[in-house]
Protein backbone atom coordinates (compact mmCIF):
# COMPACT_ATOMS: atom_id res chain seq x y z
CA UNK A 1 -12.38 -38.29 -49.81
CA UNK A 2 -9.08 -38.42 -51.70
CA UNK A 3 -8.31 -41.74 -50.10
CA UNK A 4 -11.79 -42.99 -50.97
CA UNK A 5 -11.31 -41.74 -54.50
CA UNK A 6 -8.02 -43.58 -54.83
CA UNK A 7 -9.58 -46.78 -53.60
CA UNK A 8 -12.47 -46.43 -56.03
CA UNK A 9 -10.12 -45.77 -58.94
CA UNK A 10 -7.93 -48.71 -57.95
CA UNK A 11 -10.92 -51.02 -57.73
CA UNK A 12 -12.18 -49.88 -61.13
CA UNK A 13 -8.82 -50.57 -62.71
CA UNK A 14 -8.69 -53.99 -61.06
CA UNK A 15 -12.13 -54.88 -62.39
CA UNK A 16 -11.15 -53.57 -65.84
CA UNK A 17 -8.00 -55.71 -65.86
CA UNK A 18 -9.96 -58.79 -64.75
CA UNK A 19 -12.54 -58.12 -67.45
CA UNK A 20 -9.90 -57.77 -70.17
CA UNK A 21 -8.19 -60.99 -69.05
CA UNK A 22 -11.51 -62.85 -69.00
CA UNK A 23 -12.34 -61.59 -72.50
CA UNK A 24 -8.90 -62.61 -73.76
CA UNK A 25 -9.32 -66.09 -72.27
CA UNK A 26 -12.77 -66.46 -73.83
CA UNK A 27 -11.42 -65.37 -77.21
CA UNK A 28 -8.48 -67.77 -77.00
CA UNK A 29 -10.83 -70.66 -76.26
CA UNK A 30 -13.58 -69.85 -78.74
CA UNK A 31 -12.13 -67.98 -81.70
CA UNK A 32 -10.53 -71.15 -83.16
CA UNK A 33 -14.03 -72.64 -83.25
CA UNK A 34 -15.42 -69.63 -85.10
CA UNK A 35 -12.66 -69.35 -87.69
CA UNK A 36 -13.08 -72.09 -90.35
CA UNK A 37 -10.11 -74.38 -90.87
CA UNK A 38 -8.50 -73.90 -94.24
CA UNK A 39 -8.57 -77.23 -96.00
CA UNK A 40 -5.69 -78.09 -98.28
CA UNK A 41 -6.29 -80.92 -100.71
CA UNK A 42 -3.84 -82.86 -102.82
CA UNK A 43 -4.78 -85.17 -105.69
CA UNK A 44 -3.82 -88.80 -105.20
CA UNK A 45 -1.80 -89.59 -108.35
CA UNK A 46 -2.46 -93.32 -108.21
CA UNK A 47 -6.21 -92.90 -107.59
CA UNK A 48 -7.80 -90.68 -110.28
CA UNK A 49 -10.79 -88.75 -108.94
CA UNK A 50 -9.66 -88.97 -105.32
CA UNK A 51 -7.82 -86.43 -103.22
CA UNK A 52 -6.19 -86.31 -99.80
CA UNK A 53 -6.61 -83.95 -96.88
CA UNK A 54 -3.63 -83.94 -94.54
CA UNK A 55 -5.13 -84.11 -91.08
CA UNK A 56 -3.96 -84.79 -87.54
CA UNK A 57 -2.14 -87.37 -85.50
CA UNK A 58 -2.17 -91.03 -86.49
CA UNK A 59 -1.92 -94.24 -84.47
CA UNK A 60 0.22 -96.96 -85.98
CA UNK A 61 3.18 -96.90 -88.30
CA UNK A 62 5.12 -93.66 -88.58
CA UNK A 63 6.27 -94.45 -92.10
CA UNK A 64 3.78 -93.02 -94.64
CA UNK A 65 5.20 -95.28 -97.35
CA UNK A 66 4.87 -98.55 -95.45
CA UNK A 67 3.27 -101.27 -97.53
CA UNK A 68 3.36 -99.34 -100.80
CA UNK A 69 6.47 -101.02 -102.17
CA UNK A 70 6.28 -104.14 -100.00
CA UNK A 71 2.69 -105.48 -100.03
CA UNK A 72 1.40 -107.21 -96.94
CA UNK A 73 2.12 -110.93 -97.50
CA UNK A 74 -1.08 -111.81 -95.62
CA UNK A 75 -3.16 -110.30 -98.41
CA UNK A 76 -3.37 -112.57 -101.47
CA UNK A 77 -2.59 -111.02 -104.84
CA UNK A 78 -6.03 -111.99 -106.16
CA UNK A 79 -7.69 -109.89 -103.43
CA UNK A 80 -5.45 -106.93 -104.19
CA UNK A 81 -6.38 -107.24 -107.86
CA UNK A 82 -10.09 -107.42 -107.02
CA UNK A 83 -9.93 -104.33 -104.81
CA UNK A 84 -8.03 -102.36 -107.47
CA UNK A 85 -10.66 -103.30 -110.07
CA UNK A 86 -13.66 -102.81 -107.75
CA UNK A 87 -12.64 -99.85 -105.61
CA UNK A 88 -16.17 -98.49 -105.15
CA UNK A 89 -17.42 -101.86 -103.93
CA UNK A 90 -14.42 -102.24 -101.64
CA UNK A 91 -15.16 -98.85 -100.09
CA UNK A 92 -18.93 -98.77 -99.79
CA UNK A 93 -20.35 -102.30 -99.78
CA UNK A 94 -21.70 -103.66 -96.47
CA UNK A 95 -22.64 -100.32 -94.84
CA UNK A 96 -23.55 -100.47 -91.15
CA UNK A 97 -26.53 -98.11 -91.26
CA UNK A 98 -29.53 -97.44 -93.46
CA UNK A 99 -29.37 -94.09 -95.21
CA UNK A 100 -31.12 -92.24 -98.05
CA UNK A 101 -29.66 -92.19 -101.54
CA UNK A 102 -28.16 -88.73 -101.11
CA UNK A 103 -26.19 -89.71 -98.00
CA UNK A 104 -22.46 -88.97 -98.05
CA UNK A 105 -20.55 -92.28 -97.95
CA UNK A 106 -17.78 -92.63 -95.37
CA UNK A 107 -15.45 -95.60 -95.35
CA UNK A 108 -13.81 -95.64 -91.91
CA UNK A 109 -10.54 -97.50 -91.24
CA UNK A 110 -10.25 -98.24 -87.54
CA UNK A 111 -8.39 -100.22 -84.89
CA UNK A 112 -9.94 -100.87 -81.49
CA UNK A 113 -6.64 -100.08 -79.75
CA UNK A 114 -6.22 -96.73 -81.50
CA UNK A 115 -6.92 -93.94 -78.95
CA UNK A 116 -7.86 -91.40 -81.63
CA UNK A 117 -10.31 -93.91 -83.12
CA UNK A 118 -12.23 -94.01 -79.86
CA UNK A 119 -13.01 -90.32 -80.17
CA UNK A 120 -13.80 -90.46 -83.89
CA UNK A 121 -15.96 -93.58 -83.49
CA UNK A 122 -18.08 -91.72 -80.96
CA UNK A 123 -18.51 -88.82 -83.37
CA UNK A 124 -19.48 -91.10 -86.26
CA UNK A 125 -21.93 -93.01 -84.06
CA UNK A 126 -23.79 -89.74 -83.54
CA UNK A 127 -23.65 -88.75 -87.21
CA UNK A 128 -25.24 -92.00 -88.46
CA UNK A 129 -28.44 -91.08 -86.61
CA UNK A 130 -28.88 -87.53 -87.87
CA UNK A 131 -31.25 -86.72 -90.71
CA UNK A 132 -29.66 -83.44 -91.83
CA UNK A 133 -26.73 -84.08 -94.19
CA UNK A 134 -26.94 -87.86 -93.60
CA UNK A 135 -23.99 -90.19 -93.94
CA UNK A 136 -23.71 -93.84 -94.90
CA UNK A 137 -20.99 -95.46 -92.83
CA UNK A 138 -18.90 -98.46 -93.78
CA UNK A 139 -16.49 -99.86 -91.21
CA UNK A 140 -13.18 -101.15 -92.50
CA UNK A 141 -11.21 -103.08 -89.90
CA UNK A 142 -7.57 -102.07 -90.13
CA UNK A 143 -5.65 -103.65 -87.22
CA UNK A 144 -2.21 -102.11 -86.78
CA UNK A 145 -1.39 -103.02 -83.16
CA UNK A 146 -0.80 -106.74 -83.48
CA UNK A 147 -2.56 -109.77 -81.97
CA UNK A 148 -5.19 -108.00 -79.85
CA UNK A 149 -6.18 -105.75 -82.70
CA UNK A 150 -6.43 -108.72 -85.05
CA UNK A 151 -8.69 -110.50 -82.56
CA UNK A 152 -10.95 -107.46 -82.18
CA UNK A 153 -11.16 -107.08 -85.96
CA UNK A 154 -12.12 -110.74 -86.42
CA UNK A 155 -14.74 -110.39 -83.68
CA UNK A 156 -16.21 -107.27 -85.29
CA UNK A 157 -16.49 -109.00 -88.66
CA UNK A 158 -18.12 -112.04 -87.03
CA UNK A 159 -20.68 -109.73 -85.41
CA UNK A 160 -21.18 -108.06 -88.78
CA UNK A 161 -22.25 -111.36 -90.30
CA UNK A 162 -25.16 -111.23 -87.84
CA UNK A 163 -25.94 -107.61 -88.76
CA UNK A 164 -24.34 -106.11 -85.67
CA UNK A 165 -21.07 -104.62 -86.90
CA UNK A 166 -21.75 -101.08 -85.67
CA UNK A 167 -23.18 -101.88 -82.22
CA UNK A 168 -20.41 -104.41 -81.64
CA UNK A 169 -17.81 -101.84 -82.69
CA UNK A 170 -19.36 -99.25 -80.37
CA UNK A 171 -19.26 -101.65 -77.45
CA UNK A 172 -15.67 -102.69 -78.17
CA UNK A 173 -14.65 -99.05 -78.15
CA UNK A 174 -16.06 -98.68 -74.63
CA UNK A 175 -14.05 -101.50 -73.02
CA UNK A 176 -10.33 -101.49 -72.07
CA UNK A 177 -7.83 -101.28 -74.91
CA UNK A 178 -7.21 -105.03 -74.86
CA UNK A 179 -10.60 -106.76 -74.91
CA UNK A 180 -10.50 -110.25 -73.44
CA UNK A 181 -12.46 -113.24 -74.70
CA UNK A 182 -14.71 -112.90 -71.67
CA UNK A 183 -15.42 -109.26 -72.56
CA UNK A 184 -16.22 -110.26 -76.14
CA UNK A 185 -18.56 -113.01 -74.93
CA UNK A 186 -20.30 -110.46 -72.72
CA UNK A 187 -20.89 -108.15 -75.69
CA UNK A 188 -22.15 -111.07 -77.79
CA UNK A 189 -24.67 -111.92 -75.08
CA UNK A 190 -25.75 -108.31 -74.52
CA UNK A 191 -26.39 -107.81 -78.24
CA UNK A 192 -28.41 -111.03 -78.45
CA UNK A 193 -26.08 -112.65 -80.98
CA UNK A 194 -25.89 -116.40 -81.43
CA UNK A 195 -22.71 -117.35 -79.59
CA UNK A 196 -22.05 -120.58 -81.49
CA UNK A 197 -22.48 -118.89 -84.85
CA UNK A 198 -20.32 -115.99 -83.70
CA UNK A 199 -17.35 -118.18 -82.75
CA UNK A 200 -17.75 -120.27 -85.90
CA UNK A 201 -17.54 -117.07 -87.95
CA UNK A 202 -14.68 -115.71 -85.86
CA UNK A 203 -11.53 -116.28 -87.90
CA UNK A 204 -13.42 -118.30 -90.53
CA UNK A 205 -12.15 -118.27 -94.14
CA UNK A 206 -14.97 -115.87 -95.01
CA UNK A 207 -13.99 -113.45 -92.24
CA UNK A 208 -10.29 -113.71 -93.07
CA UNK A 209 -11.01 -112.90 -96.70
CA UNK A 210 -13.12 -109.90 -95.71
CA UNK A 211 -10.36 -108.64 -93.42
CA UNK A 212 -7.88 -109.05 -96.28
CA UNK A 213 -10.15 -106.89 -98.47
CA UNK A 214 -10.18 -104.21 -95.80
CA UNK A 215 -6.39 -104.29 -95.60
CA UNK A 216 -6.02 -104.21 -99.39
CA UNK A 217 -8.43 -101.27 -99.65
CA UNK A 218 -6.46 -99.28 -97.09
CA UNK A 219 -3.19 -100.16 -98.78
CA UNK A 220 -4.58 -99.04 -102.14
CA UNK A 221 -5.19 -95.57 -100.69
CA UNK A 222 -1.88 -95.49 -98.82
CA UNK A 223 -3.46 -95.75 -95.37
CA UNK A 224 -0.57 -96.30 -92.97
CA UNK A 225 -2.29 -95.89 -89.61
CA UNK A 226 -5.58 -95.16 -87.92
CA UNK A 227 -7.95 -93.43 -87.88
CA UNK A 228 -8.45 -92.91 -91.59
CA UNK A 229 -11.51 -92.24 -93.73
CA UNK A 230 -12.48 -91.93 -97.34
CA UNK A 231 -15.31 -89.39 -97.33
CA UNK A 232 -16.80 -89.83 -100.79
CA UNK A 233 -13.65 -88.74 -102.71
CA UNK A 234 -11.49 -87.31 -99.92
CA UNK A 235 -8.97 -89.36 -97.98
CA UNK A 236 -8.34 -88.21 -94.42
CA UNK A 237 -5.56 -89.86 -92.44
CA UNK A 238 -5.34 -88.97 -88.77
CA UNK A 239 -7.65 -87.44 -86.20
CA UNK A 240 -9.94 -84.63 -87.27
CA UNK A 241 -12.02 -82.20 -85.20
CA UNK A 242 -15.77 -82.79 -85.25
CA UNK A 243 -16.44 -79.33 -86.73
CA UNK A 244 -13.96 -79.97 -89.54
CA UNK A 245 -15.49 -83.38 -90.24
CA UNK A 246 -18.93 -81.77 -90.44
CA UNK A 247 -17.71 -79.14 -92.90
CA UNK A 248 -15.93 -81.74 -95.03
CA UNK A 249 -19.12 -83.81 -95.20
CA UNK A 250 -21.01 -80.72 -96.36
CA UNK A 251 -18.38 -80.02 -99.03
CA UNK A 252 -18.68 -83.57 -100.33
CA UNK A 253 -22.47 -83.31 -100.31
CA UNK A 254 -22.33 -80.12 -102.39
CA UNK A 255 -19.75 -81.55 -104.81
CA UNK A 256 -21.62 -84.79 -105.44
CA UNK A 257 -21.05 -84.56 -109.21
CA UNK A 258 -17.34 -85.11 -108.60
CA UNK A 259 -18.03 -88.44 -106.92
CA UNK A 260 -15.75 -91.11 -108.49
CA UNK A 261 -18.41 -93.73 -107.69
CA UNK A 262 -21.46 -91.80 -108.93
CA UNK A 263 -22.24 -94.47 -111.54
CA UNK A 264 -21.66 -97.39 -109.19
CA UNK A 265 -24.67 -99.41 -108.03
CA UNK A 266 -24.18 -102.09 -105.35
CA UNK A 267 -25.28 -105.57 -106.31
């Protein structure tokens, strides 16, 4: 009996230890999800009414001051002046989804070769379809990885001229990091776009000017890499967890009166 009692006590302790370890592992994995992230905002001195949330990792330049003192020579001064004078239009015109008037506007700066953008694009693609706390999404092409990124941006804008910016963007994000012309043609065909019109619009003066506006808008806010978003009045540079994005959208919904563009009406 004593031996049996020892074995029983030893087994009980073993099960207790296993249970404690399992509980500790569960807590380590799930408590961060239950504890709200503390947001820290900073006003953007050069953009009255806007603020910045320092977020996660960024793809692209590691210099947060790039472009601020040395403007991109590819962006004409007249476009920079227009964006500075028409910031609300530069951020929210040409949305990619239909949304009610109380939707929270999100201007999303993205590059097809940005690995963090692939995750965030998937999250935003889900959010545009929900009816609770709706969003209105505007895509802003912001190529930071050179030739392939420039090509993907031009292709996305060409698709946008046929009303397919979002589905084209979603498809691009699902192909290898360097989409070939053949892959682009395949997407064009799958989406039922007119191929001749698409390639005429690809790199056209109209598309180049639109891309320059996107670049100038990002530069105005100090965007130095991707992903980045302006969620109503809050600039987020870097990746952000889905739960934090949801909470930030709710904050912007509840603080609608602080919207810098509340009096703006698109043409």
